[in-house]
PDB file of N, CA and C in Angstrom:
ATOM      1  N   UNK A   1       0.716  -1.040   0.114  1.00  0.00           N
ATOM      2  CA  UNK A   1       0.078  -0.058   0.052  1.00  0.00           C
ATOM      3  C   UNK A   1       0.987   1.353  -0.066  1.00  0.00           C
ATOM      4  N   UNK A   2       0.507   2.269  -0.808  1.00  0.00           N
ATOM      5  CA  UNK A   2       1.126   3.450  -0.847  1.00  0.00           C
ATOM      6  C   UNK A   2       0.177   4.670  -0.207  1.00  0.00           C
ATOM      7  N   UNK A   3       0.812   5.299   0.691  1.00  0.00           N
ATOM      8  CA  UNK A   3      -0.042   6.495   1.298  1.00  0.00           C
ATOM      9  C   UNK A   3       0.775   7.722   1.158  1.00  0.00           C
ATOM     10  N   UNK A   4       0.158   8.871   0.585  1.00  0.00           N
ATOM     11  CA  UNK A   4       0.632  10.170   0.328  1.00  0.00           C
ATOM     12  C   UNK A   4       0.105  11.054   1.578  1.00  0.00           C
ATOM     13  N   UNK A   5       0.954  11.864   2.150  1.00  0.00           N
ATOM     14  CA  UNK A   5       0.480  12.932   2.984  1.00  0.00           C
ATOM     15  C   UNK A   5       1.077  14.311   2.595  1.00  0.00           C
ATOM     16  N   UNK A   6       0.140  15.369   2.571  1.00  0.00           N
ATOM     17  CA  UNK A   6       0.400  16.726   2.118  1.00  0.00           C
ATOM     18  C   UNK A   6       1.296  17.248   3.155  1.00  0.00           C
ATOM     19  N   UNK A   7       2.615  17.791   2.567  1.00  0.00           N
ATOM     20  CA  UNK A   7       3.313  18.440   3.654  1.00  0.00           C
ATOM     21  C   UNK A   7       4.047  19.376   2.926  1.00  0.00           C
ATOM     22  N   UNK A   8       3.404  20.666   2.580  1.00  0.00           N
ATOM     23  CA  UNK A   8       4.037  21.722   2.061  1.00  0.00           C
ATOM     24  C   UNK A   8       5.225  22.163   2.594  1.00  0.00           C
ATOM     25  N   UNK A   9       5.410  22.159   3.942  1.00  0.00           N
ATOM     26  CA  UNK A   9       6.459  22.708   4.674  1.00  0.00           C
ATOM     27  C   UNK A   9       7.466  21.478   5.079  1.00  0.00           C
ATOM     28  N   UNK A  10       7.240  20.397   4.547  1.00  0.00           N
ATOM     29  CA  UNK A  10       8.079  19.015   4.749  1.00  0.00           C
ATOM     30  C   UNK A  10       8.239  18.628   6.368  1.00  0.00           C
ATOM     31  N   UNK A  11       7.162  19.230   7.123  1.00  0.00           N
ATOM     32  CA  UNK A  11       7.277  18.955   8.545  1.00  0.00           C
ATOM     33  C   UNK A  11       6.219  18.484   9.252  1.00  0.00           C
ATOM     34  N   UNK A  12       5.016  19.043   8.588  1.00  0.00           N
ATOM     35  CA  UNK A  12       3.794  18.924   9.233  1.00  0.00           C
ATOM     36  C   UNK A  12       2.715  18.448   8.224  1.00  0.00           C
ATOM     37  N   UNK A  13       1.516  17.846   8.442  1.00  0.00           N
ATOM     38  CA  UNK A  13       0.317  17.640   7.693  1.00  0.00           C
ATOM     39  C   UNK A  13      -0.310  18.982   7.168  1.00  0.00           C
ATOM     40  N   UNK A  14      -0.310  19.393   5.930  1.00  0.00           N
ATOM     41  CA  UNK A  14      -0.835  20.531   5.626  1.00  0.00           C
ATOM     42  C   UNK A  14      -2.080  20.587   4.995  1.00  0.00           C
ATOM     43  N   UNK A  15      -2.773  21.822   4.919  1.00  0.00           N
ATOM     44  CA  UNK A  15      -3.957  21.675   4.238  1.00  0.00           C
ATOM     45  C   UNK A  15      -3.896  22.203   2.782  1.00  0.00           C
ATOM     46  N   UNK A  16      -4.998  22.486   2.038  1.00  0.00           N
ATOM     47  CA  UNK A  16      -4.875  22.900   0.700  1.00  0.00           C
ATOM     48  C   UNK A  16      -4.212  21.763  -0.146  1.00  0.00           C
ATOM     49  N   UNK A  17      -4.839  20.623  -0.174  1.00  0.00           N
ATOM     50  CA  UNK A  17      -4.267  19.438  -0.963  1.00  0.00           C
ATOM     51  C   UNK A  17      -4.197  19.786  -2.426  1.00  0.00           C
ATOM     52  N   UNK A  18      -4.967  20.544  -3.005  1.00  0.00           N
ATOM     53  CA  UNK A  18      -5.189  20.778  -4.420  1.00  0.00           C
ATOM     54  C   UNK A  18      -3.947  21.551  -4.754  1.00  0.00           C
ATOM     55  N   UNK A  19      -3.435  22.449  -3.983  1.00  0.00           N
ATOM     56  CA  UNK A  19      -2.348  23.251  -4.427  1.00  0.00           C
ATOM     57  C   UNK A  19      -0.972  22.805  -3.801  1.00  0.00           C
ATOM     58  N   UNK A  20      -1.007  21.841  -3.036  1.00  0.00           N
ATOM     59  CA  UNK A  20       0.263  21.195  -2.429  1.00  0.00           C
ATOM     60  C   UNK A  20       0.947  20.660  -3.594  1.00  0.00           C
ATOM     61  N   UNK A  21       2.410  20.804  -3.381  1.00  0.00           N
ATOM     62  CA  UNK A  21       3.272  20.434  -4.183  1.00  0.00           C
ATOM     63  C   UNK A  21       4.532  19.353  -3.688  1.00  0.00           C
ATOM     64  N   UNK A  22       4.160  19.266  -2.162  1.00  0.00           N
ATOM     65  CA  UNK A  22       5.291  18.391  -1.462  1.00  0.00           C
ATOM     66  C   UNK A  22       4.413  17.349  -0.674  1.00  0.00           C
ATOM     67  N   UNK A  23       4.686  16.194  -1.024  1.00  0.00           N
ATOM     68  CA  UNK A  23       4.031  14.946  -0.444  1.00  0.00           C
ATOM     69  C   UNK A  23       4.997  13.947   0.118  1.00  0.00           C
ATOM     70  N   UNK A  24       4.881  13.411   1.369  1.00  0.00           N
ATOM     71  CA  UNK A  24       5.591  12.405   2.028  1.00  0.00           C
ATOM     72  C   UNK A  24       4.862  11.143   1.355  1.00  0.00           C
ATOM     73  N   UNK A  25       5.709  10.354   0.662  1.00  0.00           N
ATOM     74  CA  UNK A  25       5.119   8.968   0.377  1.00  0.00           C
ATOM     75  C   UNK A  25       5.638   7.966   1.280  1.00  0.00           C
ATOM     76  N   UNK A  26       4.692   7.229   1.839  1.00  0.00           N
ATOM     77  CA  UNK A  26       5.051   6.139   2.708  1.00  0.00           C
ATOM     78  C   UNK A  26       4.549   4.567   2.144  1.00  0.00           C
ATOM     79  N   UNK A  27       5.452   3.780   2.109  1.00  0.00           N
ATOM     80  CA  UNK A  27       5.218   2.453   1.703  1.00  0.00           C
ATOM     81  C   UNK A  27       4.935   1.565   2.938  1.00  0.00           C
ATOM     82  N   UNK A  28       3.806   0.890   2.710  1.00  0.00           N
ATOM     83  CA  UNK A  28       3.259   0.035   3.886  1.00  0.00           C
ATOM     84  C   UNK A  28       3.209  -1.467   3.501  1.00  0.00           C
ATOM     85  N   UNK A  29       3.712  -2.018   4.447  1.00  0.00           N
ATOM     86  CA  UNK A  29       3.752  -3.734   4.142  1.00  0.00           C
ATOM     87  C   UNK A  29       3.128  -4.313   5.662  1.00  0.00           C
ATOM     88  N   UNK A  30       2.392  -5.223   5.846  1.00  0.00           N
ATOM     89  CA  UNK A  30       2.025  -5.769   6.932  1.00  0.00           C
ATOM     90  C   UNK A  30       1.632  -4.573   8.038  1.00  0.00           C
ATOM     91  N   UNK A  31       0.879  -3.631   7.738  1.00  0.00           N
ATOM     92  CA  UNK A  31       0.454  -2.472   8.654  1.00  0.00           C
ATOM     93  C   UNK A  31       1.736  -1.899   9.391  1.00  0.00           C
ATOM     94  N   UNK A  32       2.951  -1.841   8.613  1.00  0.00           N
ATOM     95  CA  UNK A  32       4.068  -1.227   9.106  1.00  0.00           C
ATOM     96  C   UNK A  32       4.663  -0.273   7.851  1.00  0.00           C
ATOM     97  N   UNK A  33       5.220   0.998   8.397  1.00  0.00           N
ATOM     98  CA  UNK A  33       5.837   1.758   7.427  1.00  0.00           C
ATOM     99  C   UNK A  33       7.210   1.084   7.064  1.00  0.00           C
ATOM    100  N   UNK A  34       7.457   0.825   5.714  1.00  0.00           N
ATOM    101  CA  UNK A  34       8.739   0.134   5.317  1.00  0.00           C
ATOM    102  C   UNK A  34       9.679   1.105   4.475  1.00  0.00           C
ATOM    103  N   UNK A  35       8.970   2.382   4.118  1.00  0.00           N
ATOM    104  CA  UNK A  35       9.738   3.270   3.437  1.00  0.00           C
ATOM    105  C   UNK A  35       9.164   4.704   3.510  1.00  0.00           C
ATOM    106  N   UNK A  36       9.914   5.713   3.382  1.00  0.00           N
ATOM    107  CA  UNK A  36       9.496   7.145   3.327  1.00  0.00           C
ATOM    108  C   UNK A  36      10.326   7.795   2.361  1.00  0.00           C
ATOM    109  N   UNK A  37       9.612   8.562   1.420  1.00  0.00           N
ATOM    110  CA  UNK A  37      10.352   9.449   0.687  1.00  0.00           C
ATOM    111  C   UNK A  37       9.401  10.855   0.373  1.00  0.00           C
ATOM    112  N   UNK A  38      10.173  11.811  -0.050  1.00  0.00           N
ATOM    113  CA  UNK A  38       9.453  13.047  -0.268  1.00  0.00           C
ATOM    114  C   UNK A  38       9.339  13.133  -1.949  1.00  0.00           C
ATOM    115  N   UNK A  39       8.060  13.397  -2.327  1.00  0.00           N
ATOM    116  CA  UNK A  39       7.786  13.668  -3.777  1.00  0.00           C
ATOM    117  C   UNK A  39       7.517  15.308  -4.009  1.00  0.00           C
ATOM    118  N   UNK A  40       8.407  15.959  -4.810  1.00  0.00           N
ATOM    119  CA  UNK A  40       7.971  17.450  -5.035  1.00  0.00           C
ATOM    120  C   UNK A  40       7.611  17.553  -6.509  1.00  0.00           C
ATOM    121  N   UNK A  41       6.376  18.093  -6.574  1.00  0.00           N
ATOM    122  CA  UNK A  41       5.762  18.322  -7.805  1.00  0.00           C
ATOM    123  C   UNK A  41       6.129  19.638  -8.379  1.00  0.00           C
ATOM    124  N   UNK A  42       5.997  19.768  -9.681  1.00  0.00           N
ATOM    125  CA  UNK A  42       6.244  21.222 -10.246  1.00  0.00           C
ATOM    126  C   UNK A  42       4.709  21.839 -10.054  1.00  0.00           C
ATOM    127  N   UNK A  43       4.652  23.089 -10.186  1.00  0.00           N
ATOM    128  CA  UNK A  43       3.413  23.808 -10.188  1.00  0.00           C
ATOM    129  C   UNK A  43       2.277  23.331 -10.977  1.00  0.00           C
ATOM    130  N   UNK A  44       2.746  23.016 -12.226  1.00  0.00           N
ATOM    131  CA  UNK A  44       1.650  22.505 -13.207  1.00  0.00           C
ATOM    132  C   UNK A  44       1.239  21.015 -12.941  1.00  0.00           C
ATOM    133  N   UNK A  45       2.171  20.393 -12.039  1.00  0.00           N
ATOM    134  CA  UNK A  45       1.509  19.057 -11.572  1.00  0.00           C
ATOM    135  C   UNK A  45       0.722  19.073 -10.304  1.00  0.00           C
ATOM    136  N   UNK A  46       0.437  20.235  -9.730  1.00  0.00           N
ATOM    137  CA  UNK A  46      -0.626  20.403  -8.446  1.00  0.00           C
ATOM    138  C   UNK A  46      -1.785  19.790  -9.010  1.00  0.00           C
ATOM    139  N   UNK A  47      -2.511  19.415  -8.186  1.00  0.00           N
ATOM    140  CA  UNK A  47      -3.829  18.908  -8.579  1.00  0.00           C
ATOM    141  C   UNK A  47      -4.643  19.913  -9.142  1.00  0.00           C
ATOM    142  N   UNK A  48      -4.495  21.261  -8.446  1.00  0.00           N
ATOM    143  CA  UNK A  48      -5.381  22.393  -8.841  1.00  0.00           C
ATOM    144  C   UNK A  48      -5.179  22.790 -10.440  1.00  0.00           C
ATOM    145  N   UNK A  49      -3.571  22.676 -10.678  1.00  0.00           N
ATOM    146  CA  UNK A  49      -3.297  23.095 -12.047  1.00  0.00           C
ATOM    147  C   UNK A  49      -3.132  21.924 -13.173  1.00  0.00           C
ATOM    148  N   UNK A  50      -3.398  20.879 -12.619  1.00  0.00           N
ATOM    149  CA  UNK A  50      -3.347  19.553 -13.655  1.00  0.00           C
ATOM    150  C   UNK A  50      -4.591  19.162 -14.001  1.00  0.00           C
ATOM    151  N   UNK A  51      -4.596  18.344 -15.318  1.00  0.00           N
ATOM    152  CA  UNK A  51      -5.893  18.032 -15.825  1.00  0.00           C
ATOM    153  C   UNK A  51      -6.128  16.485 -14.921  1.00  0.00           C
ATOM    154  N   UNK A  52      -7.560  16.463 -14.550  1.00  0.00           N
ATOM    155  CA  UNK A  52      -7.788  15.130 -13.974  1.00  0.00           C
ATOM    156  C   UNK A  52      -7.850  14.000 -14.899  1.00  0.00           C
ATOM    157  N   UNK A  53      -7.895  14.303 -16.383  1.00  0.00           N
ATOM    158  CA  UNK A  53      -7.885  13.345 -17.220  1.00  0.00           C
ATOM    159  C   UNK A  53      -6.722  12.843 -17.995  1.00  0.00           C
ATOM    160  N   UNK A  54      -5.535  13.440 -17.253  1.00  0.00           N
ATOM    161  CA  UNK A  54      -4.120  13.148 -17.697  1.00  0.00           C
ATOM    162  C   UNK A  54      -3.513  12.289 -16.424  1.00  0.00           C
ATOM    163  N   UNK A  55      -2.621  11.417 -16.852  1.00  0.00           N
ATOM    164  CA  UNK A  55      -1.777  10.880 -15.913  1.00  0.00           C
ATOM    165  C   UNK A  55      -1.230  11.740 -14.751  1.00  0.00           C
ATOM    166  N   UNK A  56      -1.124  11.308 -13.640  1.00  0.00           N
ATOM    167  CA  UNK A  56      -0.469  12.229 -12.525  1.00  0.00           C
ATOM    168  C   UNK A  56       0.307  11.414 -11.822  1.00  0.00           C
ATOM    169  N   UNK A  57       1.467  12.061 -11.179  1.00  0.00           N
ATOM    170  CA  UNK A  57       2.586  11.285 -10.355  1.00  0.00           C
ATOM    171  C   UNK A  57       1.916  10.672  -9.014  1.00  0.00           C
ATOM    172  N   UNK A  58       0.822  11.115  -8.612  1.00  0.00           N
ATOM    173  CA  UNK A  58       0.303  10.479  -7.543  1.00  0.00           C
ATOM    174  C   UNK A  58      -0.841   9.368  -7.830  1.00  0.00           C
ATOM    175  N   UNK A  59      -0.923   9.151  -8.921  1.00  0.00           N
ATOM    176  CA  UNK A  59      -2.114   7.963  -9.602  1.00  0.00           C
ATOM    177  C   UNK A  59      -1.677   6.680  -8.939  1.00  0.00           C
ATOM    178  N   UNK A  60      -0.537   6.412  -8.485  1.00  0.00           N
ATOM    179  CA  UNK A  60      -0.122   5.117  -7.798  1.00  0.00           C
ATOM    180  C   UNK A  60      -0.406   4.982  -6.426  1.00  0.00           C
ATOM    181  N   UNK A  61      -0.975   6.041  -5.862  1.00  0.00           N
ATOM    182  CA  UNK A  61      -1.140   5.986  -4.362  1.00  0.00           C
ATOM    183  C   UNK A  61      -2.413   5.182  -4.032  1.00  0.00           C
ATOM    184  N   UNK A  62      -2.746   4.813  -2.863  1.00  0.00           N
ATOM    185  CA  UNK A  62      -4.003   4.068  -2.440  1.00  0.00           C
ATOM    186  C   UNK A  62      -4.574   4.880  -1.447  1.00  0.00           C
ATOM    187  N   UNK A  63      -4.021   6.044  -0.950  1.00  0.00           N
ATOM    188  CA  UNK A  63      -4.622   6.909   0.074  1.00  0.00           C
ATOM    189  C   UNK A  63      -4.033   8.204   0.064  1.00  0.00           C
ATOM    190  N   UNK A  64      -4.685   9.436   0.245  1.00  0.00           N
ATOM    191  CA  UNK A  64      -3.995  10.788   0.438  1.00  0.00           C
ATOM    192  C   UNK A  64      -4.551  11.054   1.792  1.00  0.00           C
ATOM    193  N   UNK A  65      -3.711  11.442   2.717  1.00  0.00           N
ATOM    194  CA  UNK A  65      -4.123  12.162   3.941  1.00  0.00           C
ATOM    195  C   UNK A  65      -3.545  13.562   3.847  1.00  0.00           C
ATOM    196  N   UNK A  66      -4.528  14.405   4.375  1.00  0.00           N
ATOM    197  CA  UNK A  66      -4.298  15.919   4.355  1.00  0.00           C
ATOM    198  C   UNK A  66      -5.006  16.291   5.432  1.00  0.00           C
ATOM    199  N   UNK A  67      -4.733  17.894   5.553  1.00  0.00           N
ATOM    200  CA  UNK A  67      -5.446  18.624   6.795  1.00  0.00           C
ATOM    201  C   UNK A  67      -6.747  19.196   6.239  1.00  0.00           C
ATOM    202  N   UNK A  68      -6.692  19.348   4.900  1.00  0.00           N
ATOM    203  CA  UNK A  68      -8.010  19.664   4.133  1.00  0.00           C
ATOM    204  C   UNK A  68      -7.886  19.788   2.708  1.00  0.00           C
ATOM    205  N   UNK A  69      -9.123  19.379   2.099  1.00  0.00           N
ATOM    206  CA  UNK A  69      -9.113  19.547   0.734  1.00  0.00           C
ATOM    207  C   UNK A  69     -10.761  19.650   0.357  1.00  0.00           C
ATOM    208  N   UNK A  70     -10.938  19.958  -0.898  1.00  0.00           N
ATOM    209  CA  UNK A  70     -12.379  20.513  -1.267  1.00  0.00           C
ATOM    210  C   UNK A  70     -12.827  19.048  -2.012  1.00  0.00           C
ATOM    211  N   UNK A  71     -14.181  19.198  -1.978  1.00  0.00           N
ATOM    212  CA  UNK A  71     -14.928  17.976  -2.620  1.00  0.00           C
ATOM    213  C   UNK A  71     -14.574  17.546  -4.112  1.00  0.00           C
ATOM    214  N   UNK A  72     -14.181  18.617  -4.908  1.00  0.00           N
ATOM    215  CA  UNK A  72     -13.641  18.407  -6.201  1.00  0.00           C
ATOM    216  C   UNK A  72     -12.360  17.394  -6.372  1.00  0.00           C
ATOM    217  N   UNK A  73     -11.522  17.714  -5.251  1.00  0.00           N
ATOM    218  CA  UNK A  73     -10.352  16.707  -5.245  1.00  0.00           C
ATOM    219  C   UNK A  73     -10.867  15.355  -4.741  1.00  0.00           C
ATOM    220  N   UNK A  74     -11.778  15.389  -3.710  1.00  0.00           N
ATOM    221  CA  UNK A  74     -12.178  14.046  -3.270  1.00  0.00           C
ATOM    222  C   UNK A  74     -12.639  13.184  -4.347  1.00  0.00           C
ATOM    223  N   UNK A  75     -13.709  13.866  -5.257  1.00  0.00           N
ATOM    224  CA  UNK A  75     -14.175  13.069  -6.305  1.00  0.00           C
ATOM    225  C   UNK A  75     -13.103  12.642  -7.322  1.00  0.00           C
ATOM    226  N   UNK A  76     -12.053  13.569  -7.600  1.00  0.00           N
ATOM    227  CA  UNK A  76     -10.996  13.364  -8.592  1.00  0.00           C
ATOM    228  C   UNK A  76     -10.428  12.102  -8.012  1.00  0.00           C
ATOM    229  N   UNK A  77     -10.012  12.185  -6.908  1.00  0.00           N
ATOM    230  CA  UNK A  77      -9.397  10.842  -6.288  1.00  0.00           C
ATOM    231  C   UNK A  77     -10.031   9.571  -6.301  1.00  0.00           C
ATOM    232  N   UNK A  78     -11.405   9.607  -5.971  1.00  0.00           N
ATOM    233  CA  UNK A  78     -12.219   8.619  -6.063  1.00  0.00           C
ATOM    234  C   UNK A  78     -12.326   8.101  -7.561  1.00  0.00           C
ATOM    235  N   UNK A  79     -12.387   8.703  -8.509  1.00  0.00           N
ATOM    236  CA  UNK A  79     -12.541   8.401  -9.767  1.00  0.00           C
ATOM    237  C   UNK A  79     -11.129   7.714 -10.147  1.00  0.00           C
ATOM    238  N   UNK A  80     -10.155   7.749  -9.503  1.00  0.00           N
ATOM    239  CA  UNK A  80      -8.826   6.827  -9.684  1.00  0.00           C
ATOM    240  C   UNK A  80      -8.578   5.850  -8.774  1.00  0.00           C
ATOM    241  N   UNK A  81      -9.751   5.623  -7.774  1.00  0.00           N
ATOM    242  CA  UNK A  81      -9.518   4.574  -7.079  1.00  0.00           C
ATOM    243  C   UNK A  81      -8.685   4.853  -5.682  1.00  0.00           C
ATOM    244  N   UNK A  82      -8.723   6.344  -5.463  1.00  0.00           N
ATOM    245  CA  UNK A  82      -7.778   6.641  -4.330  1.00  0.00           C
ATOM    246  C   UNK A  82      -8.807   6.992  -3.137  1.00  0.00           C
ATOM    247  N   UNK A  83      -8.539   6.526  -2.089  1.00  0.00           N
ATOM    248  CA  UNK A  83      -9.156   6.974  -0.931  1.00  0.00           C
ATOM    249  C   UNK A  83      -8.596   8.270  -0.281  1.00  0.00           C
ATOM    250  N   UNK A  84      -9.245   9.267   0.362  1.00  0.00           N
ATOM    251  CA  UNK A  84      -8.908  10.532   0.970  1.00  0.00           C
ATOM    252  C   UNK A  84      -9.219  10.453   2.413  1.00  0.00           C
ATOM    253  N   UNK A  85      -8.458  11.079   3.301  1.00  0.00           N
ATOM    254  CA  UNK A  85      -8.509  11.235   4.631  1.00  0.00           C
ATOM    255  C   UNK A  85      -8.249  12.372   5.014  1.00  0.00           C
ATOM    256  N   UNK A  86      -9.241  13.111   5.714  1.00  0.00           N
ATOM    257  CA  UNK A  86      -8.735  14.580   6.472  1.00  0.00           C
ATOM    258  C   UNK A  86      -8.359  14.266   7.989  1.00  0.00           C
ATOM    259  N   UNK A  87      -7.240  14.697   8.130  1.00  0.00           N
ATOM    260  CA  UNK A  87      -6.526  14.250   9.526  1.00  0.00           C
ATOM    261  C   UNK A  87      -6.475  15.450  10.213  1.00  0.00           C
ATOM    262  N   UNK A  88      -6.444  15.513  11.656  1.00  0.00           N
ATOM    263  CA  UNK A  88      -6.227  16.745  12.366  1.00  0.00           C
ATOM    264  C   UNK A  88      -4.770  16.434  12.903  1.00  0.00           C
ATOM    265  N   UNK A  89      -4.158  15.463  12.831  1.00  0.00           N
ATOM    266  CA  UNK A  89      -2.891  15.047  13.352  1.00  0.00           C
ATOM    267  C   UNK A  89      -1.814  15.775  12.598  1.00  0.00           C
ATOM    268  N   UNK A  90      -0.943  16.346  13.089  1.00  0.00           N
ATOM    269  CA  UNK A  90      -0.088  17.416  12.534  1.00  0.00           C
ATOM    270  C   UNK A  90       1.333  16.531  11.996  1.00  0.00           C
ATOM    271  N   UNK A  91       1.694  15.524  12.779  1.00  0.00           N
ATOM    272  CA  UNK A  91       2.744  14.804  12.384  1.00  0.00           C
ATOM    273  C   UNK A  91       2.639  13.642  11.203  1.00  0.00           C
ATOM    274  N   UNK A  92       3.159  13.877  10.080  1.00  0.00           N
ATOM    275  CA  UNK A  92       2.944  12.865   8.991  1.00  0.00           C
ATOM    276  C   UNK A  92       2.829  11.403   9.332  1.00  0.00           C
ATOM    277  N   UNK A  93       4.100  11.061  10.141  1.00  0.00           N
ATOM    278  CA  UNK A  93       4.135   9.699  10.323  1.00  0.00           C
ATOM    279  C   UNK A  93       3.168   9.341  11.346  1.00  0.00           C
ATOM    280  N   UNK A  94       2.692   9.972  12.419  1.00  0.00           N
ATOM    281  CA  UNK A  94       1.585   9.608  13.196  1.00  0.00           C
ATOM    282  C   UNK A  94       0.464   9.584  12.769  1.00  0.00           C
ATOM    283  N   UNK A  95       0.008  10.414  11.529  1.00  0.00           N
ATOM    284  CA  UNK A  95      -0.929  10.424  10.899  1.00  0.00           C
ATOM    285  C   UNK A  95      -1.403   8.865  10.181  1.00  0.00           C
ATOM    286  N   UNK A  96      -0.231   8.626   9.457  1.00  0.00           N
ATOM    287  CA  UNK A  96      -0.262   7.364   8.939  1.00  0.00           C
ATOM    288  C   UNK A  96      -0.487   6.068   9.887  1.00  0.00           C
ATOM    289  N   UNK A  97       0.392   6.291  10.933  1.00  0.00           N
ATOM    290  CA  UNK A  97       0.221   5.084  12.031  1.00  0.00           C
ATOM    291  C   UNK A  97      -1.356   5.072  12.577  1.00  0.00           C
ATOM    292  N   UNK A  98      -1.973   6.399  12.799  1.00  0.00           N
ATOM    293  CA  UNK A  98      -3.242   6.464  13.110  1.00  0.00           C
ATOM    294  C   UNK A  98      -4.173   5.743  12.312  1.00  0.00           C
ATOM    295  N   UNK A  99      -3.929   6.042  10.946  1.00  0.00           N
ATOM    296  CA  UNK A  99      -4.733   5.264  10.032  1.00  0.00           C
ATOM    297  C   UNK A  99      -4.690   3.821  10.093  1.00  0.00           C
ATOM    298  N   UNK A 100      -3.422   3.478  10.111  1.00  0.00           N
ATOM    299  CA  UNK A 100      -3.090   1.937  10.154  1.00  0.00           C
ATOM    300  C   UNK A 100      -3.795   1.096  11.191  1.00  0.00           C
ATOM    301  N   UNK A 101      -3.820   1.845  12.297  1.00  0.00           N
ATOM    302  CA  UNK A 101      -4.313   1.494  13.540  1.00  0.00           C
ATOM    303  C   UNK A 101      -5.946   1.146  13.472  1.00  0.00           C
ATOM    304  N   UNK A 102      -6.502   2.115  12.407  1.00  0.00           N
ATOM    305  CA  UNK A 102      -7.823   2.168  12.263  1.00  0.00           C
ATOM    306  C   UNK A 102      -8.423   0.838  11.382  1.00  0.00           C
ATOM    307  N   UNK A 103      -7.474   0.283  10.794  1.00  0.00           N
ATOM    308  CA  UNK A 103      -7.850  -0.820   9.860  1.00  0.00           C
ATOM    309  C   UNK A 103      -8.166  -2.337  10.561  1.00  0.00           C
TER     310      UNK A 103
END
C-alpha cells in the first residue's frame, strides 16, 4: 500500500491538498511503514493546475492524507480509486500510524 501525505513545509500535515506540491510517500507492508520518501511536484503538476483526465505522479497511491481538501479533489481521487482522509494530526508519520491502527 502507498500513502501520500500533504506536507508543503516538509514537517507537518498541511491543508490545501489541491495546491500542495510536496508529499511524503509512505510504503506500507503488513501494517507497518517500510519506506518514506519526499515527492516534490512542479506547479503544473499540482492537482489544482493539472488535468484530472491526464496521468498524474500520484496516480499510484492508495490513500491521500491531508489537513484539508475540497469535494472536487475528493471526487477526482475517487475516480482513480484513491481514498482520501482529512486528519487533524500534524505529524505525517503519526497520521499514517493512526490510519493503520484504524484498519
